Amino acid sequence: MAGERFAVVSCHVEAPLDDRVWARFSKLQSRRPGGFSIAALMRPPDLAAGESEELWLERAREAAANGTLGHHTHFVGPGHARPPGEDPPHAARVRREAEWLRAHDLDPRFFCGGGWYIDERIAETLAELGYTDCTGTAFRPSYLAPGAPRLAAGRPLWLLLPSGHRLLELPATHSLGMALKAGLDPQPMPEIVHVYFHDTDLLDRKRRLALELALRVLGRRRQPIGLEQLAQEAARAAPERPFRSVSER
């Protein structure tokens, strides 16, 4: 990957059953601003909260037809992404959701933990499932409490796990606002740029317009590719790092 200049875009689809949010996201994904195939990292339905399985599956299949489909877990509930502490059941939830997705003929290969949460048990589960992870970030999100663990990575990596498994990591490098600032700044950007945003951002007109401008500018400065292509490139050339060496508190 040395010398290559790529950019990818992913969306944390956290409100897939909200008609207004979905209409905005579906339209954006189908238009591919800046030439970007936008990956939909979707939160599975919370059936205990009464969310519609049928409608969710219909929209997930639509997203898969327009780009990459991924798996995004909210560890507490629809409106609460990050768990309050480290606990083995978090990995069990990821596995349970993945099995549900596959039982419904969906086969996402990318994952992002809600609130940027991941631990070793989850990482081991992702490796066993054949997932590529996108939970790492090149920056520390401002809302994380002091000491809250996160995966700190500024470029694609192979994460070495205690079991001996490896997990491919494609970290987010830019939020929506960071992407717009970087796109308009003549200073060099990282060789690999991974922009993320949330589907609910699209309800705000200013944020929606900022995102489209950022992607159009970024599409001229980097080669737009999808997560699958970046994963293929990274799998061949990404360096290896022990998981614990990039787990930050």
C-alpha atoms as a PDB file:
ATOM      1  CA  MET A   1       0.000   0.000   0.000  1.00  0.00           C
ATOM      2  CA  ALA A   2       3.011   2.276   0.246  1.00  0.00           C
ATOM      3  CA  GLY A   3       2.579   5.291  -1.997  1.00  0.00           C
ATOM      4  CA  GLU A   4      -1.087   4.556  -2.741  1.00  0.00           C
ATOM      5  CA  ARG A   5      -3.568   7.326  -1.991  1.00  0.00           C
ATOM      6  CA  PHE A   6      -7.033   5.931  -1.318  1.00  0.00           C
ATOM      7  CA  ALA A   7     -10.177   7.146   0.414  1.00  0.00           C
ATOM      8  CA  VAL A   8     -13.183   5.220   1.702  1.00  0.00           C
ATOM      9  CA  VAL A   9     -16.436   6.319   3.313  1.00  0.00           C
ATOM     10  CA  SER A  10     -18.616   4.492   5.814  1.00  0.00           C
ATOM     11  CA  CYS A  11     -21.843   5.420   7.567  1.00  0.00           C
ATOM     12  CA  HIS A  12     -22.907   4.229  11.002  1.00  0.00           C
ATOM     13  CA  VAL A  13     -26.557   3.508  10.233  1.00  0.00           C
ATOM     14  CA  GLU A  14     -28.063   3.783  13.696  1.00  0.00           C
ATOM     15  CA  ALA A  15     -31.660   4.719  12.848  1.00  0.00           C
ATOM     16  CA  PRO A  16     -32.483   2.456   9.886  1.00  0.00           C
ATOM     17  CA  LEU A  17     -36.186   2.314  10.741  1.00  0.00           C
ATOM     18  CA  ASP A  18     -36.660   6.077  10.903  1.00  0.00           C
ATOM     19  CA  ASP A  19     -38.313   6.913   7.572  1.00  0.00           C
ATOM     20  CA  ARG A  20     -36.861  10.434   7.321  1.00  0.00           C
ATOM     21  CA  VAL A  21     -33.341   9.296   8.159  1.00  0.00           C
ATOM     22  CA  TRP A  22     -33.497   6.312   5.820  1.00  0.00           C
ATOM     23  CA  ALA A  23     -34.796   8.393   2.901  1.00  0.00           C
ATOM     24  CA  ARG A  24     -31.836  10.764   3.255  1.00  0.00           C
ATOM     25  CA  PHE A  25     -29.281   7.977   3.580  1.00  0.00           C
ATOM     26  CA  SER A  26     -30.686   5.844   0.775  1.00  0.00           C
ATOM     27  CA  LYS A  27     -30.660   8.802  -1.606  1.00  0.00           C
ATOM     28  CA  LEU A  28     -27.080   9.724  -0.687  1.00  0.00           C
ATOM     29  CA  GLN A  29     -25.805   6.161  -0.998  1.00  0.00           C
ATOM     30  CA  SER A  30     -27.374   5.684  -4.432  1.00  0.00           C
ATOM     31  CA  ARG A  31     -25.939   8.997  -5.745  1.00  0.00           C
ATOM     32  CA  ARG A  32     -22.336   8.244  -4.683  1.00  0.00           C
ATOM     33  CA  PRO A  33     -21.107  11.829  -4.190  1.00  0.00           C
ATOM     34  CA  GLY A  34     -17.468  12.276  -5.135  1.00  0.00           C
ATOM     35  CA  GLY A  35     -17.521   8.812  -6.687  1.00  0.00           C
ATOM     36  CA  PHE A  36     -17.681   7.101  -3.275  1.00  0.00           C
ATOM     37  CA  SER A  37     -19.449   3.821  -2.652  1.00  0.00           C
ATOM     38  CA  ILE A  38     -20.700   4.464   0.891  1.00  0.00           C
ATOM     39  CA  ALA A  39     -20.574   1.441   3.179  1.00  0.00           C
ATOM     40  CA  ALA A  40     -23.618   1.014   5.420  1.00  0.00           C
ATOM     41  CA  LEU A  41     -22.544  -0.297   8.835  1.00  0.00           C
ATOM     42  CA  MET A  42     -26.034  -1.054  10.118  1.00  0.00           C
ATOM     43  CA  ARG A  43     -27.294  -1.621  13.633  1.00  0.00           C
ATOM     44  CA  PRO A  44     -29.450  -4.777  13.669  1.00  0.00           C
ATOM     45  CA  PRO A  45     -33.040  -4.398  14.888  1.00  0.00           C
ATOM     46  CA  ASP A  46     -33.715  -4.575  18.606  1.00  0.00           C
ATOM     47  CA  LEU A  47     -36.644  -6.979  18.563  1.00  0.00           C
ATOM     48  CA  ALA A  48     -37.149  -6.662  22.328  1.00  0.00           C
ATOM     49  CA  ALA A  49     -37.730  -2.931  21.810  1.00  0.00           C
ATOM     50  CA  GLY A  50     -40.359  -3.665  19.161  1.00  0.00           C
ATOM     51  CA  GLU A  51     -38.303  -2.765  16.094  1.00  0.00           C
ATOM     52  CA  SER A  52     -39.550  -4.288  12.843  1.00  0.00           C
ATOM     53  CA  GLU A  53     -37.497  -7.215  11.578  1.00  0.00           C
ATOM     54  CA  GLU A  54     -39.232  -7.220   8.195  1.00  0.00           C
ATOM     55  CA  LEU A  55     -38.643  -3.529   7.452  1.00  0.00           C
ATOM     56  CA  TRP A  56     -35.055  -3.711   8.691  1.00  0.00           C
ATOM     57  CA  LEU A  57     -34.265  -6.637   6.398  1.00  0.00           C
ATOM     58  CA  GLU A  58     -35.829  -4.836   3.435  1.00  0.00           C
ATOM     59  CA  ARG A  59     -33.643  -1.785   4.046  1.00  0.00           C
ATOM     60  CA  ALA A  60     -30.504  -3.809   4.725  1.00  0.00           C
ATOM     61  CA  ARG A  61     -30.901  -5.561   1.375  1.00  0.00           C
ATOM     62  CA  GLU A  62     -31.382  -2.189  -0.308  1.00  0.00           C
ATOM     63  CA  ALA A  63     -28.180  -0.891   1.298  1.00  0.00           C
ATOM     64  CA  ALA A  64     -26.306  -4.035   0.233  1.00  0.00           C
ATOM     65  CA  ALA A  65     -27.434  -3.476  -3.357  1.00  0.00           C
ATOM     66  CA  ASN A  66     -26.051   0.084  -3.300  1.00  0.00           C
ATOM     67  CA  GLY A  67     -22.747  -0.548  -1.508  1.00  0.00           C
ATOM     68  CA  THR A  68     -21.043  -2.553   1.201  1.00  0.00           C
ATOM     69  CA  LEU A  69     -23.166  -3.838   4.084  1.00  0.00           C
ATOM     70  CA  GLY A  70     -21.549  -3.978   7.507  1.00  0.00           C
ATOM     71  CA  HIS A  71     -22.509  -4.732  11.112  1.00  0.00           C
ATOM     72  CA  HIS A  72     -22.697  -1.998  13.763  1.00  0.00           C
ATOM     73  CA  THR A  73     -23.504  -2.986  17.345  1.00  0.00           C
ATOM     74  CA  HIS A  74     -25.174  -0.874  19.992  1.00  0.00           C
ATOM     75  CA  PHE A  75     -24.227  -2.738  23.144  1.00  0.00           C
ATOM     76  CA  VAL A  76     -27.004  -1.414  25.402  1.00  0.00           C
ATOM     77  CA  GLY A  77     -29.959  -0.530  23.194  1.00  0.00           C
ATOM     78  CA  PRO A  78     -31.116   1.446  20.143  1.00  0.00           C
ATOM     79  CA  GLY A  79     -30.211   4.776  21.724  1.00  0.00           C
ATOM     80  CA  HIS A  80     -27.211   3.705  23.799  1.00  0.00           C
ATOM     81  CA  ALA A  81     -24.209   2.521  21.818  1.00  0.00           C
ATOM     82  CA  ARG A  82     -21.293   2.181  24.243  1.00  0.00           C
ATOM     83  CA  PRO A  83     -21.439  -0.221  27.201  1.00  0.00           C
ATOM     84  CA  PRO A  84     -20.817   1.162  30.691  1.00  0.00           C
ATOM     85  CA  GLY A  85     -17.965  -1.274  31.351  1.00  0.00           C
ATOM     86  CA  GLU A  86     -15.971  -4.228  30.092  1.00  0.00           C
ATOM     87  CA  ASP A  87     -17.895  -7.495  30.358  1.00  0.00           C
ATOM     88  CA  PRO A  88     -17.753 -10.848  28.498  1.00  0.00           C
ATOM     89  CA  PRO A  89     -21.439 -10.702  27.328  1.00  0.00           C
ATOM     90  CA  HIS A  90     -20.526  -7.920  24.880  1.00  0.00           C
ATOM     91  CA  ALA A  91     -18.768 -10.439  22.641  1.00  0.00           C
ATOM     92  CA  ALA A  92     -21.730 -12.805  22.957  1.00  0.00           C
ATOM     93  CA  ARG A  93     -24.029 -10.064  21.695  1.00  0.00           C
ATOM     94  CA  VAL A  94     -21.845  -9.498  18.631  1.00  0.00           C
ATOM     95  CA  ARG A  95     -21.867 -13.205  17.832  1.00  0.00           C
ATOM     96  CA  ARG A  96     -25.623 -13.483  18.357  1.00  0.00           C
ATOM     97  CA  GLU A  97     -26.277 -10.573  16.017  1.00  0.00           C
ATOM     98  CA  ALA A  98     -23.890 -11.946  13.386  1.00  0.00           C
ATOM     99  CA  GLU A  99     -25.624 -15.318  13.480  1.00  0.00           C
ATOM    100  CA  TRP A 100     -29.010 -13.609  13.104  1.00  0.00           C
ATOM    101  CA  LEU A 101     -27.777 -11.667  10.068  1.00  0.00           C
ATOM    102  CA  ARG A 102     -26.418 -14.801   8.422  1.00  0.00           C
ATOM    103  CA  ALA A 103     -29.602 -16.731   9.175  1.00  0.00           C
ATOM    104  CA  HIS A 104     -31.399 -14.104   7.090  1.00  0.00           C
ATOM    105  CA  ASP A 105     -29.050 -14.493   4.105  1.00  0.00           C
ATOM    106  CA  LEU A 106     -27.008 -11.382   4.865  1.00  0.00           C
ATOM    107  CA  ASP A 107     -23.243 -11.728   5.039  1.00  0.00           C
ATOM    108  CA  PRO A 108     -21.631  -8.510   6.280  1.00  0.00           C
ATOM    109  CA  ARG A 109     -17.851  -8.670   6.475  1.00  0.00           C
ATOM    110  CA  PHE A 110     -17.160  -5.371   8.254  1.00  0.00           C
ATOM    111  CA  PHE A 111     -17.837  -4.377  11.857  1.00  0.00           C
ATOM    112  CA  CYS A 112     -17.806  -1.248  14.003  1.00  0.00           C
ATOM    113  CA  GLY A 113     -18.494  -1.234  17.723  1.00  0.00           C
ATOM    114  CA  GLY A 114     -20.950   1.358  19.010  1.00  0.00           C
ATOM    115  CA  GLY A 115     -19.292   4.273  20.771  1.00  0.00           C
ATOM    116  CA  TRP A 116     -15.991   3.010  19.329  1.00  0.00           C
ATOM    117  CA  TYR A 117     -16.012   0.155  21.848  1.00  0.00           C
ATOM    118  CA  ILE A 118     -13.992  -3.017  21.330  1.00  0.00           C
ATOM    119  CA  ASP A 119     -12.154  -5.347  23.696  1.00  0.00           C
ATOM    120  CA  GLU A 120     -10.048  -8.472  23.236  1.00  0.00           C
ATOM    121  CA  ARG A 121     -13.025 -10.831  23.537  1.00  0.00           C
ATOM    122  CA  ILE A 122     -14.900  -8.946  20.844  1.00  0.00           C
ATOM    123  CA  ALA A 123     -11.790  -8.844  18.649  1.00  0.00           C
ATOM    124  CA  GLU A 124     -11.386 -12.618  18.990  1.00  0.00           C
ATOM    125  CA  THR A 125     -15.051 -13.088  18.072  1.00  0.00           C
ATOM    126  CA  LEU A 126     -14.688 -10.849  15.014  1.00  0.00           C
ATOM    127  CA  ALA A 127     -11.656 -12.828  13.846  1.00  0.00           C
ATOM    128  CA  GLU A 128     -13.578 -16.096  14.248  1.00  0.00           C
ATOM    129  CA  LEU A 129     -16.482 -14.646  12.252  1.00  0.00           C
ATOM    130  CA  GLY A 130     -14.173 -13.573   9.425  1.00  0.00           C
ATOM    131  CA  TYR A 131     -14.931  -9.893   9.936  1.00  0.00           C
ATOM    132  CA  THR A 132     -12.729  -6.889   9.201  1.00  0.00           C
ATOM    133  CA  ASP A 133     -12.934  -4.312  11.981  1.00  0.00           C
ATOM    134  CA  CYS A 134     -13.503  -0.560  11.608  1.00  0.00           C
ATOM    135  CA  THR A 135     -13.718   0.375  15.305  1.00  0.00           C
ATOM    136  CA  GLY A 136     -10.267   1.923  15.592  1.00  0.00           C
ATOM    137  CA  THR A 137      -9.773   5.659  15.160  1.00  0.00           C
ATOM    138  CA  ALA A 138      -6.838   7.900  14.361  1.00  0.00           C
ATOM    139  CA  PHE A 139      -8.108  10.410  16.930  1.00  0.00           C
ATOM    140  CA  ARG A 140      -9.644  10.229  20.384  1.00  0.00           C
ATOM    141  CA  PRO A 141     -13.359  11.091  20.184  1.00  0.00           C
ATOM    142  CA  SER A 142     -14.004  14.082  22.420  1.00  0.00           C
ATOM    143  CA  TYR A 143     -17.014  12.548  24.158  1.00  0.00           C
ATOM    144  CA  LEU A 144     -15.098   9.572  25.567  1.00  0.00           C
ATOM    145  CA  ALA A 145     -14.588   9.770  29.318  1.00  0.00           C
ATOM    146  CA  PRO A 146     -11.017   9.856  30.651  1.00  0.00           C
ATOM    147  CA  GLY A 147      -9.713   6.310  30.815  1.00  0.00           C
ATOM    148  CA  ALA A 148     -12.394   4.953  28.480  1.00  0.00           C
ATOM    149  CA  PRO A 149     -10.683   2.302  26.327  1.00  0.00           C
ATOM    150  CA  ARG A 150     -10.473   2.674  22.570  1.00  0.00           C
ATOM    151  CA  LEU A 151      -8.443   1.277  19.692  1.00  0.00           C
ATOM    152  CA  ALA A 152      -5.906   3.881  18.568  1.00  0.00           C
ATOM    153  CA  ALA A 153      -4.799   3.334  14.978  1.00  0.00           C
ATOM    154  CA  GLY A 154      -4.020   5.789  12.209  1.00  0.00           C
ATOM    155  CA  ARG A 155      -3.608   3.312   9.353  1.00  0.00           C
ATOM    156  CA  PRO A 156      -4.698  -0.212   8.365  1.00  0.00           C
ATOM    157  CA  LEU A 157      -3.181  -2.896  10.605  1.00  0.00           C
ATOM    158  CA  TRP A 158      -3.257  -6.605  11.279  1.00  0.00           C
ATOM    159  CA  LEU A 159      -4.096  -6.912  14.978  1.00  0.00           C
ATOM    160  CA  LEU A 160      -2.407  -9.878  16.645  1.00  0.00           C
ATOM    161  CA  LEU A 161      -4.678 -11.491  19.258  1.00  0.00           C
ATOM    162  CA  PRO A 162      -3.769 -13.642  22.273  1.00  0.00           C
ATOM    163  CA  SER A 163      -5.268 -16.752  20.621  1.00  0.00           C
ATOM    164  CA  GLY A 164      -2.922 -16.393  17.653  1.00  0.00           C
ATOM    165  CA  HIS A 165      -5.695 -15.150  15.375  1.00  0.00           C
ATOM    166  CA  ARG A 166      -5.261 -11.965  13.342  1.00  0.00           C
ATOM    167  CA  LEU A 167      -7.920  -9.288  12.807  1.00  0.00           C
ATOM    168  CA  LEU A 168      -7.658  -6.791   9.964  1.00  0.00           C
ATOM    169  CA  GLU A 169      -8.285  -3.228  11.167  1.00  0.00           C
ATOM    170  CA  LEU A 170      -9.392  -0.369   8.884  1.00  0.00           C
ATOM    171  CA  PRO A 171      -9.595   2.585  11.291  1.00  0.00           C
ATOM    172  CA  ALA A 172     -11.600   5.747  10.763  1.00  0.00           C
ATOM    173  CA  THR A 173      -9.298   8.717  10.200  1.00  0.00           C
ATOM    174  CA  HIS A 174     -11.754  11.593   9.721  1.00  0.00           C
ATOM    175  CA  SER A 175     -15.157  12.594  11.036  1.00  0.00           C
ATOM    176  CA  LEU A 176     -17.466  14.627   8.800  1.00  0.00           C
ATOM    177  CA  GLY A 177     -16.086  17.939  10.081  1.00  0.00           C
ATOM    178  CA  MET A 178     -12.497  16.763   9.935  1.00  0.00           C
ATOM    179  CA  ALA A 179     -12.984  15.572   6.357  1.00  0.00           C
ATOM    180  CA  LEU A 180     -14.302  18.942   5.218  1.00  0.00           C
ATOM    181  CA  LYS A 181     -11.448  20.810   6.902  1.00  0.00           C
ATOM    182  CA  ALA A 182      -8.826  18.421   5.494  1.00  0.00           C
ATOM    183  CA  GLY A 183     -10.311  18.489   2.010  1.00  0.00           C
ATOM    184  CA  LEU A 184     -10.098  22.271   1.831  1.00  0.00           C
ATOM    185  CA  ASP A 185      -6.661  22.453   3.475  1.00  0.00           C
ATOM    186  CA  PRO A 186      -3.719  22.313   1.019  1.00  0.00           C
ATOM    187  CA  GLN A 187      -1.634  20.479   3.630  1.00  0.00           C
ATOM    188  CA  PRO A 188      -0.963  16.780   2.959  1.00  0.00           C
ATOM    189  CA  MET A 189      -3.492  14.219   4.140  1.00  0.00           C
ATOM    190  CA  PRO A 190      -2.767  10.631   5.179  1.00  0.00           C
ATOM    191  CA  GLU A 191      -2.270   8.228   2.286  1.00  0.00           C
ATOM    192  CA  ILE A 192      -5.336   6.266   3.424  1.00  0.00           C
ATOM    193  CA  VAL A 193      -8.358   8.362   4.406  1.00  0.00           C
ATOM    194  CA  HIS A 194     -11.409   6.715   5.993  1.00  0.00           C
ATOM    195  CA  VAL A 195     -14.287   9.133   6.540  1.00  0.00           C
ATOM    196  CA  TYR A 196     -17.188   8.128   8.750  1.00  0.00           C
ATOM    197  CA  PHE A 197     -20.496   9.816   9.504  1.00  0.00           C
ATOM    198  CA  HIS A 198     -23.829   8.924  11.108  1.00  0.00           C
ATOM    199  CA  ASP A 199     -27.079   8.544   9.213  1.00  0.00           C
ATOM    200  CA  THR A 200     -28.744  11.015  11.600  1.00  0.00           C
ATOM    201  CA  ASP A 201     -26.257  13.697  10.464  1.00  0.00           C
ATOM    202  CA  LEU A 202     -28.241  13.836   7.238  1.00  0.00           C
ATOM    203  CA  LEU A 203     -31.277  15.370   8.959  1.00  0.00           C
ATOM    204  CA  ASP A 204     -29.297  18.575   9.496  1.00  0.00           C
ATOM    205  CA  ARG A 205     -29.108  20.547   6.251  1.00  0.00           C
ATOM    206  CA  LYS A 206     -25.764  22.161   7.092  1.00  0.00           C
ATOM    207  CA  ARG A 207     -24.157  18.845   7.967  1.00  0.00           C
ATOM    208  CA  ARG A 208     -25.633  17.204   4.875  1.00  0.00           C
ATOM    209  CA  LEU A 209     -24.241  19.892   2.590  1.00  0.00           C
ATOM    210  CA  ALA A 210     -20.885  19.825   4.399  1.00  0.00           C
ATOM    211  CA  LEU A 211     -20.643  16.080   3.876  1.00  0.00           C
ATOM    212  CA  GLU A 212     -21.390  16.281   0.170  1.00  0.00           C
ATOM    213  CA  LEU A 213     -18.848  19.076  -0.297  1.00  0.00           C
ATOM    214  CA  ALA A 214     -16.231  17.153   1.674  1.00  0.00           C
ATOM    215  CA  LEU A 215     -16.735  14.027  -0.434  1.00  0.00           C
ATOM    216  CA  ARG A 216     -16.611  15.906  -3.737  1.00  0.00           C
ATOM    217  CA  VAL A 217     -13.341  17.599  -2.730  1.00  0.00           C
ATOM    218  CA  LEU A 218     -11.882  14.408  -1.271  1.00  0.00           C
ATOM    219  CA  GLY A 219     -12.795  12.519  -4.429  1.00  0.00           C
ATOM    220  CA  ARG A 220     -10.469  14.813  -6.375  1.00  0.00           C
ATOM    221  CA  ARG A 221      -7.561  14.376  -3.955  1.00  0.00           C
ATOM    222  CA  ARG A 222      -7.762  10.635  -3.341  1.00  0.00           C
ATOM    223  CA  GLN A 223      -8.866   7.632  -5.365  1.00  0.00           C
ATOM    224  CA  PRO A 224     -12.357   6.680  -4.143  1.00  0.00           C
ATOM    225  CA  ILE A 225     -12.600   2.965  -3.383  1.00  0.00           C
ATOM    226  CA  GLY A 226     -14.895   0.734  -1.337  1.00  0.00           C
ATOM    227  CA  LEU A 227     -14.147  -0.968   1.943  1.00  0.00           C
ATOM    228  CA  GLU A 228     -13.779  -4.318   0.167  1.00  0.00           C
ATOM    229  CA  GLN A 229     -11.007  -3.027  -2.087  1.00  0.00           C
ATOM    230  CA  LEU A 230      -9.230  -1.337   0.812  1.00  0.00           C
ATOM    231  CA  ALA A 231      -9.430  -4.575   2.794  1.00  0.00           C
ATOM    232  CA  GLN A 232      -7.899  -6.486  -0.108  1.00  0.00           C
ATOM    233  CA  GLU A 233      -5.065  -3.965  -0.406  1.00  0.00           C
ATOM    234  CA  ALA A 234      -4.477  -3.865   3.353  1.00  0.00           C
ATOM    235  CA  ALA A 235      -4.547  -7.637   3.762  1.00  0.00           C
ATOM    236  CA  ARG A 236      -1.465  -7.887   1.555  1.00  0.00           C
ATOM    237  CA  ALA A 237       0.611  -5.078   3.002  1.00  0.00           C
ATOM    238  CA  ALA A 238      -0.633  -3.865   6.410  1.00  0.00           C
ATOM    239  CA  PRO A 239       1.857  -4.226   9.277  1.00  0.00           C
ATOM    240  CA  GLU A 240       1.141  -6.375  12.326  1.00  0.00           C
ATOM    241  CA  ARG A 241       0.672  -4.985  15.832  1.00  0.00           C
ATOM    242  CA  PRO A 242      -0.386  -6.726  19.068  1.00  0.00           C
ATOM    243  CA  PHE A 243      -3.936  -5.734  19.977  1.00  0.00           C
ATOM    244  CA  ARG A 244      -2.848  -4.580  23.411  1.00  0.00           C
ATOM    245  CA  SER A 245      -0.237  -2.239  21.947  1.00  0.00           C
ATOM    246  CA  VAL A 246      -2.911  -0.126  20.240  1.00  0.00           C
ATOM    247  CA  SER A 247      -5.566  -0.405  22.958  1.00  0.00           C
ATOM    248  CA  GLU A 248      -5.537   3.023  24.607  1.00  0.00           C
ATOM    249  CA  ARG A 249      -7.038   4.318  27.851  1.00  0.00           C
END
